[in-house]
C-alpha atoms as a PDB file:
ATOM      1  CA  MET A   1     -11.537 -10.005 -35.004  1.00  0.00           C
ATOM      2  CA  PRO A   2      -8.563 -11.043 -32.820  1.00  0.00           C
ATOM      3  CA  ALA A   3      -9.154 -10.841 -29.082  1.00  0.00           C
ATOM      4  CA  PHE A   4      -6.261  -8.434 -28.503  1.00  0.00           C
ATOM      5  CA  VAL A   5      -7.773  -5.975 -31.021  1.00  0.00           C
ATOM      6  CA  ILE A   6     -11.111  -6.068 -29.172  1.00  0.00           C
ATOM      7  CA  LEU A   7      -9.322  -5.484 -25.864  1.00  0.00           C
ATOM      8  CA  LEU A   8      -7.401  -2.558 -27.354  1.00  0.00           C
ATOM      9  CA  LYS A   9     -10.587  -0.936 -28.591  1.00  0.00           C
ATOM     10  CA  LEU A  10     -12.237  -1.369 -25.207  1.00  0.00           C
ATOM     11  CA  THR A  11      -9.363   0.384 -23.420  1.00  0.00           C
ATOM     12  CA  GLN A  12      -9.314   3.373 -25.773  1.00  0.00           C
ATOM     13  CA  ASN A  13     -11.611   6.352 -25.445  1.00  0.00           C
ATOM     14  CA  GLN A  14     -13.910   6.545 -28.451  1.00  0.00           C
ATOM     15  CA  PRO A  15     -14.908   9.918 -29.984  1.00  0.00           C
ATOM     16  CA  GLY A  16     -17.833  11.422 -28.114  1.00  0.00           C
ATOM     17  CA  GLU A  17     -17.635   8.801 -25.384  1.00  0.00           C
ATOM     18  CA  LEU A  18     -18.132  10.024 -21.840  1.00  0.00           C
ATOM     19  CA  LYS A  19     -15.064   9.565 -19.674  1.00  0.00           C
ATOM     20  CA  MET A  20     -15.744   7.425 -16.646  1.00  0.00           C
ATOM     21  CA  LYS A  21     -14.473   8.435 -13.231  1.00  0.00           C
ATOM     22  CA  HIS A  22     -11.415   6.554 -12.048  1.00  0.00           C
ATOM     23  CA  PHE A  23     -11.004   4.813  -8.734  1.00  0.00           C
ATOM     24  CA  GLN A  24      -9.068   6.945  -6.265  1.00  0.00           C
ATOM     25  CA  ASP A  25      -6.556   6.077  -3.553  1.00  0.00           C
ATOM     26  CA  ILE A  26      -8.197   5.724  -0.157  1.00  0.00           C
ATOM     27  CA  GLU A  27      -8.038   8.465   2.456  1.00  0.00           C
ATOM     28  CA  HIS A  28      -5.322   8.166   5.080  1.00  0.00           C
ATOM     29  CA  SER A  29      -8.008   8.437   7.757  1.00  0.00           C
ATOM     30  CA  ARG A  30      -9.217   4.958   6.761  1.00  0.00           C
ATOM     31  CA  ILE A  31      -5.808   3.490   7.587  1.00  0.00           C
ATOM     32  CA  ASP A  32      -5.702   5.430  10.856  1.00  0.00           C
ATOM     33  CA  ALA A  33      -9.089   4.045  11.893  1.00  0.00           C
ATOM     34  CA  LEU A  34      -8.035   0.480  11.099  1.00  0.00           C
ATOM     35  CA  SER A  35      -4.686   0.856  12.848  1.00  0.00           C
ATOM     36  CA  ASP A  36      -6.219   2.206  16.051  1.00  0.00           C
ATOM     37  CA  GLY A  37      -8.616  -0.747  16.150  1.00  0.00           C
ATOM     38  CA  ILE A  38      -5.840  -3.280  15.588  1.00  0.00           C
ATOM     39  CA  PHE A  39      -3.581  -1.746  18.221  1.00  0.00           C
ATOM     40  CA  ALA A  40      -6.471  -1.635  20.698  1.00  0.00           C
ATOM     41  CA  ILE A  41      -7.234  -5.331  20.153  1.00  0.00           C
ATOM     42  CA  ALA A  42      -3.557  -6.313  20.360  1.00  0.00           C
ATOM     43  CA  LEU A  43      -3.142  -4.405  23.633  1.00  0.00           C
ATOM     44  CA  THR A  44      -6.244  -6.117  25.012  1.00  0.00           C
ATOM     45  CA  LEU A  45      -4.967  -9.565  24.020  1.00  0.00           C
ATOM     46  CA  LEU A  46      -1.874  -8.981  26.147  1.00  0.00           C
ATOM     47  CA  GLY A  47      -4.070  -8.916  29.233  1.00  0.00           C
ATOM     48  CA  PHE A  48      -5.413 -12.413  28.614  1.00  0.00           C
ATOM     49  CA  ASP A  49      -2.118 -13.918  29.765  1.00  0.00           C
ATOM     50  CA  LEU A  50      -2.489 -12.085  33.074  1.00  0.00           C
ATOM     51  CA  ILE A  51      -5.947 -13.566  33.509  1.00  0.00           C
ATOM     52  CA  GLY A  52      -4.615 -17.022  32.665  1.00  0.00           C
ATOM     53  CA  SER A  53      -1.888 -16.695  35.297  1.00  0.00           C
ATOM     54  CA  VAL A  54      -4.485 -16.316  38.067  1.00  0.00           C
ATOM     55  CA  LYS A  55      -5.454 -19.993  37.903  1.00  0.00           C
ATOM     56  CA  LYS A  56      -1.827 -21.118  38.086  1.00  0.00           C
ATOM     57  CA  ALA A  57      -1.113 -18.791  40.992  1.00  0.00           C
ATOM     58  CA  SER A  58      -4.226 -19.965  42.849  1.00  0.00           C
ATOM     59  CA  GLU A  59      -3.079 -23.579  42.713  1.00  0.00           C
ATOM     60  CA  ALA A  60      -0.205 -22.773  45.077  1.00  0.00           C
ATOM     61  CA  GLU A  61      -0.686 -23.290  48.820  1.00  0.00           C
ATOM     62  CA  ASN A  62       0.269 -19.656  49.387  1.00  0.00           C
ATOM     63  CA  LEU A  63      -1.369 -17.225  46.954  1.00  0.00           C
ATOM     64  CA  SER A  64       1.340 -14.601  47.375  1.00  0.00           C
ATOM     65  CA  VAL A  65       4.004 -17.148  46.550  1.00  0.00           C
ATOM     66  CA  GLY A  66       1.950 -18.372  43.620  1.00  0.00           C
ATOM     67  CA  LEU A  67       1.612 -14.834  42.263  1.00  0.00           C
ATOM     68  CA  SER A  68       5.322 -14.179  42.653  1.00  0.00           C
ATOM     69  CA  GLU A  69       6.082 -17.334  40.681  1.00  0.00           C
ATOM     70  CA  GLN A  70       4.205 -15.852  37.726  1.00  0.00           C
ATOM     71  CA  TRP A  71       6.670 -12.952  37.389  1.00  0.00           C
ATOM     72  CA  PRO A  72       7.693 -13.939  33.822  1.00  0.00           C
ATOM     73  CA  VAL A  73       4.070 -13.392  32.719  1.00  0.00           C
ATOM     74  CA  TYR A  74       3.988  -9.925  34.337  1.00  0.00           C
ATOM     75  CA  PHE A  75       7.351  -9.020  32.842  1.00  0.00           C
ATOM     76  CA  SER A  76       6.361 -10.145  29.345  1.00  0.00           C
ATOM     77  CA  PHE A  77       3.072  -8.243  29.637  1.00  0.00           C
ATOM     78  CA  LEU A  78       4.941  -5.018  30.416  1.00  0.00           C
ATOM     79  CA  MET A  79       7.417  -5.595  27.593  1.00  0.00           C
ATOM     80  CA  GLY A  80       4.641  -6.358  25.117  1.00  0.00           C
ATOM     81  CA  PHE A  81       2.606  -3.348  26.244  1.00  0.00           C
ATOM     82  CA  PHE A  82       5.472  -0.902  25.860  1.00  0.00           C
ATOM     83  CA  VAL A  83       6.440  -2.360  22.477  1.00  0.00           C
ATOM     84  CA  LEU A  84       2.900  -1.962  21.133  1.00  0.00           C
ATOM     85  CA  TYR A  85       2.333   1.450  22.661  1.00  0.00           C
ATOM     86  CA  ALA A  86       5.666   2.760  21.391  1.00  0.00           C
ATOM     87  CA  ILE A  87       4.926   1.468  17.885  1.00  0.00           C
ATOM     88  CA  TRP A  88       1.462   3.055  17.944  1.00  0.00           C
ATOM     89  CA  TYR A  89       2.849   6.403  19.149  1.00  0.00           C
ATOM     90  CA  GLN A  90       5.641   6.580  16.575  1.00  0.00           C
ATOM     91  CA  TYR A  91       3.330   5.311  13.842  1.00  0.00           C
ATOM     92  CA  HIS A  92       0.965   8.253  14.255  1.00  0.00           C
ATOM     93  CA  VAL A  93       3.744  10.818  14.699  1.00  0.00           C
ATOM     94  CA  MET A  94       5.388   9.741  11.435  1.00  0.00           C
ATOM     95  CA  ALA A  95       2.047   9.754   9.614  1.00  0.00           C
ATOM     96  CA  GLN A  96       1.304  13.423  10.382  1.00  0.00           C
ATOM     97  CA  PHE A  97       2.719  14.595   7.052  1.00  0.00           C
ATOM     98  CA  ALA A  98       1.701  11.586   4.972  1.00  0.00           C
ATOM     99  CA  GLY A  99      -0.393  12.479   1.941  1.00  0.00           C
ATOM    100  CA  ARG A 100      -3.102  10.431   0.299  1.00  0.00           C
ATOM    101  CA  PRO A 101      -1.519   6.954   0.246  1.00  0.00           C
ATOM    102  CA  ASN A 102      -0.891   5.077  -2.952  1.00  0.00           C
ATOM    103  CA  ALA A 103      -1.105   1.266  -3.051  1.00  0.00           C
ATOM    104  CA  LEU A 104       2.507   0.794  -1.967  1.00  0.00           C
ATOM    105  CA  MET A 105       2.051   3.075   1.018  1.00  0.00           C
ATOM    106  CA  VAL A 106      -1.126   1.234   2.032  1.00  0.00           C
ATOM    107  CA  TRP A 107       0.788  -2.040   2.148  1.00  0.00           C
ATOM    108  CA  GLN A 108       3.652  -0.290   3.934  1.00  0.00           C
ATOM    109  CA  HIS A 109       1.223   0.575   6.730  1.00  0.00           C
ATOM    110  CA  GLY A 110      -0.038  -2.988   6.560  1.00  0.00           C
ATOM    111  CA  VAL A 111       3.422  -4.303   7.450  1.00  0.00           C
ATOM    112  CA  VAL A 112       3.354  -2.234  10.656  1.00  0.00           C
ATOM    113  CA  LEU A 113      -0.052  -3.648  11.554  1.00  0.00           C
ATOM    114  CA  LEU A 114       1.042  -7.199  10.712  1.00  0.00           C
ATOM    115  CA  PHE A 115       3.806  -7.166  13.304  1.00  0.00           C
ATOM    116  CA  ALA A 116       1.625  -5.329  15.813  1.00  0.00           C
ATOM    117  CA  THR A 117      -0.800  -8.256  15.751  1.00  0.00           C
ATOM    118  CA  LEU A 118       2.082 -10.682  16.404  1.00  0.00           C
ATOM    119  CA  ILE A 119       3.397  -8.934  19.535  1.00  0.00           C
ATOM    120  CA  PRO A 120       0.850 -10.647  21.874  1.00  0.00           C
ATOM    121  CA  PHE A 121       2.079 -13.998  20.544  1.00  0.00           C
ATOM    122  CA  GLY A 122       5.685 -12.990  21.211  1.00  0.00           C
ATOM    123  CA  ALA A 123       4.829 -11.778  24.707  1.00  0.00           C
ATOM    124  CA  ALA A 124       3.053 -15.057  25.503  1.00  0.00           C
ATOM    125  CA  LEU A 125       6.062 -16.997  24.213  1.00  0.00           C
ATOM    126  CA  LEU A 126       8.335 -14.902  26.410  1.00  0.00           C
ATOM    127  CA  GLY A 127       6.149 -15.281  29.486  1.00  0.00           C
ATOM    128  CA  GLU A 128       5.951 -19.071  29.241  1.00  0.00           C
ATOM    129  CA  ASN A 129       9.675 -19.625  28.659  1.00  0.00           C
ATOM    130  CA  LEU A 130      11.587 -16.780  30.315  1.00  0.00           C
ATOM    131  CA  ASN A 131      12.284 -18.789  33.482  1.00  0.00           C
ATOM    132  CA  THR A 132      13.126 -22.011  31.635  1.00  0.00           C
ATOM    133  CA  PRO A 133      16.034 -23.393  29.578  1.00  0.00           C
ATOM    134  CA  ASN A 134      14.143 -22.145  26.508  1.00  0.00           C
ATOM    135  CA  ALA A 135      14.683 -18.517  27.542  1.00  0.00           C
ATOM    136  CA  PRO A 136      17.327 -17.734  24.877  1.00  0.00           C
ATOM    137  CA  SER A 137      15.048 -18.940  22.088  1.00  0.00           C
ATOM    138  CA  ALA A 138      12.022 -17.127  23.509  1.00  0.00           C
ATOM    139  CA  VAL A 139      13.921 -13.838  23.815  1.00  0.00           C
ATOM    140  CA  PHE A 140      15.330 -14.358  20.316  1.00  0.00           C
ATOM    141  CA  TRP A 141      11.909 -14.777  18.704  1.00  0.00           C
ATOM    142  CA  PHE A 142      10.418 -11.925  20.711  1.00  0.00           C
ATOM    143  CA  GLY A 143      13.176  -9.711  19.343  1.00  0.00           C
ATOM    144  CA  VAL A 144      12.565 -10.936  15.801  1.00  0.00           C
ATOM    145  CA  LEU A 145       8.949  -9.767  16.089  1.00  0.00           C
ATOM    146  CA  ILE A 146      10.125  -6.358  17.335  1.00  0.00           C
ATOM    147  CA  PHE A 147      12.739  -5.724  14.665  1.00  0.00           C
ATOM    148  CA  ALA A 148      11.647  -7.744  11.607  1.00  0.00           C
ATOM    149  CA  GLU A 149       9.528  -4.863  10.317  1.00  0.00           C
ATOM    150  CA  ALA A 150      12.586  -2.645   9.764  1.00  0.00           C
ATOM    151  CA  PRO A 151      14.276  -4.539   6.879  1.00  0.00           C
ATOM    152  CA  ILE A 152      10.913  -4.909   5.146  1.00  0.00           C
ATOM    153  CA  GLN A 153      10.379  -1.154   5.445  1.00  0.00           C
ATOM    154  CA  VAL A 154      13.817  -0.582   3.910  1.00  0.00           C
ATOM    155  CA  LEU A 155      12.698  -2.503   0.832  1.00  0.00           C
ATOM    156  CA  LEU A 156       9.352  -0.698   0.669  1.00  0.00           C
ATOM    157  CA  PHE A 157      10.985   2.733   0.963  1.00  0.00           C
ATOM    158  CA  ALA A 158      13.387   1.712  -1.805  1.00  0.00           C
ATOM    159  CA  ALA A 159      10.418   0.731  -3.958  1.00  0.00           C
ATOM    160  CA  LEU A 160       8.753   4.067  -3.260  1.00  0.00           C
ATOM    161  CA  ARG A 161      11.905   5.895  -4.316  1.00  0.00           C
ATOM    162  CA  ILE A 162      12.080   3.862  -7.532  1.00  0.00           C
ATOM    163  CA  LYS A 163       8.431   4.620  -8.203  1.00  0.00           C
ATOM    164  CA  GLY A 164       9.263   8.274  -7.577  1.00  0.00           C
ATOM    165  CA  HIS A 165       6.066   9.166  -5.792  1.00  0.00           C
ATOM    166  CA  LEU A 166       5.680   9.371  -2.026  1.00  0.00           C
ATOM    167  CA  PRO A 167       2.841  11.834  -1.350  1.00  0.00           C
ATOM    168  CA  VAL A 168       3.162  14.209   1.583  1.00  0.00           C
ATOM    169  CA  THR A 169       0.911  17.001   2.853  1.00  0.00           C
ATOM    170  CA  GLU A 170       1.211  20.634   1.765  1.00  0.00           C
ATOM    171  CA  ASP A 171       2.627  21.670   5.151  1.00  0.00           C
ATOM    172  CA  SER A 172       5.223  18.897   5.237  1.00  0.00           C
ATOM    173  CA  PRO A 173       8.703  20.207   6.192  1.00  0.00           C
ATOM    174  CA  PHE A 174      10.310  17.823   3.699  1.00  0.00           C
ATOM    175  CA  SER A 175       9.624  16.432   0.251  1.00  0.00           C
ATOM    176  CA  GLY A 176       8.452  12.899  -0.465  1.00  0.00           C
ATOM    177  CA  GLU A 177      11.925  12.002  -1.753  1.00  0.00           C
ATOM    178  CA  THR A 178      13.522  13.267   1.458  1.00  0.00           C
ATOM    179  CA  TYR A 179      10.969  11.363   3.537  1.00  0.00           C
ATOM    180  CA  ALA A 180      11.775   8.147   1.673  1.00  0.00           C
ATOM    181  CA  ARG A 181      15.532   8.563   2.044  1.00  0.00           C
ATOM    182  CA  LEU A 182      15.274   9.353   5.755  1.00  0.00           C
ATOM    183  CA  GLY A 183      12.914   6.417   6.265  1.00  0.00           C
ATOM    184  CA  THR A 184      15.373   4.121   4.511  1.00  0.00           C
ATOM    185  CA  LEU A 185      18.281   5.327   6.631  1.00  0.00           C
ATOM    186  CA  MET A 186      16.454   5.083   9.965  1.00  0.00           C
ATOM    187  CA  ASN A 187      15.163   1.591   9.216  1.00  0.00           C
ATOM    188  CA  LEU A 188      18.628   0.478   8.149  1.00  0.00           C
ATOM    189  CA  VAL A 189      19.966   1.576  11.542  1.00  0.00           C
ATOM    190  CA  VAL A 190      17.158  -0.291  13.320  1.00  0.00           C
ATOM    191  CA  THR A 191      17.837  -3.379  11.180  1.00  0.00           C
ATOM    192  CA  VAL A 192      21.502  -3.494  12.140  1.00  0.00           C
ATOM    193  CA  TYR A 193      20.753  -2.800  15.815  1.00  0.00           C
ATOM    194  CA  GLY A 194      17.982  -5.398  15.852  1.00  0.00           C
ATOM    195  CA  LEU A 195      20.119  -8.061  14.183  1.00  0.00           C
ATOM    196  CA  ALA A 196      22.863  -7.573  16.770  1.00  0.00           C
ATOM    197  CA  SER A 197      20.341  -7.633  19.631  1.00  0.00           C
ATOM    198  CA  VAL A 198      18.578 -10.862  18.623  1.00  0.00           C
ATOM    199  CA  LEU A 199      21.902 -12.641  18.091  1.00  0.00           C
ATOM    200  CA  VAL A 200      22.957 -11.619  21.589  1.00  0.00           C
ATOM    201  CA  ALA A 201      19.737 -13.240  22.862  1.00  0.00           C
ATOM    202  CA  LEU A 202      21.049 -16.681  21.938  1.00  0.00           C
ATOM    203  CA  VAL A 203      23.947 -16.396  24.389  1.00  0.00           C
ATOM    204  CA  ALA A 204      22.838 -13.723  26.875  1.00  0.00           C
ATOM    205  CA  PRO A 205      19.029 -13.323  26.913  1.00  0.00           C
ATOM    206  CA  TRP A 206      18.929 -10.747  29.704  1.00  0.00           C
ATOM    207  CA  VAL A 207      21.492  -8.579  27.936  1.00  0.00           C
ATOM    208  CA  ALA A 208      19.330  -8.812  24.816  1.00  0.00           C
ATOM    209  CA  LEU A 209      16.245  -7.789  26.795  1.00  0.00           C
ATOM    210  CA  ALA A 210      18.191  -4.772  28.045  1.00  0.00           C
ATOM    211  CA  LEU A 211      19.017  -3.900  24.419  1.00  0.00           C
ATOM    212  CA  TYR A 212      15.332  -4.235  23.518  1.00  0.00           C
ATOM    213  CA  ALA A 213      14.430  -1.922  26.400  1.00  0.00           C
ATOM    214  CA  LEU A 214      17.041   0.596  25.252  1.00  0.00           C
ATOM    215  CA  TYR A 215      15.478   0.575  21.801  1.00  0.00           C
ATOM    216  CA  LEU A 216      12.043   1.196  23.329  1.00  0.00           C
ATOM    217  CA  LEU A 217      13.425   4.133  25.302  1.00  0.00           C
ATOM    218  CA  SER A 218      14.408   5.749  21.999  1.00  0.00           C
ATOM    219  CA  LYS A 219      10.695   5.725  21.092  1.00  0.00           C
ATOM    220  CA  VAL A 220       9.414   7.320  24.305  1.00  0.00           C
ATOM    221  CA  ASN A 221       9.137  10.786  22.731  1.00  0.00           C
ATOM    222  CA  PRO A 222       9.250  10.475  18.930  1.00  0.00           C
ATOM    223  CA  VAL A 223       8.059  14.070  18.480  1.00  0.00           C
ATOM    224  CA  THR A 224      11.162  15.508  20.135  1.00  0.00           C
ATOM    225  CA  SER A 225      13.396  12.842  18.607  1.00  0.00           C
ATOM    226  CA  PHE A 226      12.233  13.522  15.051  1.00  0.00           C
ATOM    227  CA  ASN A 227      12.307  17.305  15.466  1.00  0.00           C
ATOM    228  CA  ARG A 228      15.933  17.094  16.549  1.00  0.00           C
ATOM    229  CA  MET A 229      17.149  14.245  14.377  1.00  0.00           C
ATOM    230  CA  ILE A 230      15.541  14.889  10.984  1.00  0.00           C
ATOM    231  CA  PRO A 231      16.948  18.416  10.412  1.00  0.00           C
ATOM    232  CA  ARG A 232      20.433  17.217  11.395  1.00  0.00           C
ATOM    233  CA  LEU A 233      20.241  14.177   9.134  1.00  0.00           C
ATOM    234  CA  SER A 234      18.921  16.332   6.300  1.00  0.00           C
ATOM    235  CA  VAL A 235      21.883  18.685   6.566  1.00  0.00           C
ATOM    236  CA  LEU A 236      24.327  15.801   6.915  1.00  0.00           C
ATOM    237  CA  LEU A 237      22.967  14.052   3.832  1.00  0.00           C
ATOM    238  CA  GLY A 238      22.315  17.233   1.871  1.00  0.00           C
ATOM    239  CA  LEU A 239      18.574  16.557   1.636  1.00  0.00           C
ATOM    240  CA  GLU A 240      15.835  19.013   0.808  1.00  0.00           C
ATOM    241  CA  THR A 241      13.872  20.124   3.888  1.00  0.00           C
ATOM    242  CA  LYS A 242      11.454  22.525   2.177  1.00  0.00           C
ATOM    243  CA  ARG A 243       9.373  21.823  -0.870  1.00  0.00           C
END
């Protein structure tokens, strides 16, 4: 009997055969638990650069002068901390109405966590080079790590729309289709803004850092921002806000 015939018979339910239970998508709480752990570790890793700067500062004849010379490390620590904390805050606010995630959504969350783990690397790069001729490159790559998630999310939201299934909770104020379209639009805006900002870094690194900081300020209160922005965007785009 040909192999493909055997395989076909194995995949078909035979008369009187008990139906086996199917594997289910994981609970969203599992992703939340993993994400909190990853963000906690990433935030902790940022502090290692501060500890490392103590030895360098102590080598100076005057400790106060030595500490002041380590200002790029302190600055990069603060930038890295606020980037990570803002991402964590917005991540959980946006996930409030997320339903049981399918495989594509699980990997979509994974992209967020991927770049979260890279922020300590970017902060260390910034701290070591901010006061050197390599500052433009360091600011450029730090910005890439901040904004590179957005274009990837655009593609993933597009894939979710093609698949036609983005699960949301029963009390969600918008449908899965609306969520996907809004997510695509917002990440497109961030992509364009991020691209402009990192290009500016190559010629004016401090201006680029100011643009990064402005972007972070937009994430200070995502609850208020989303409550104001999403209804307006929904009306503007003619999207469904109630299921």
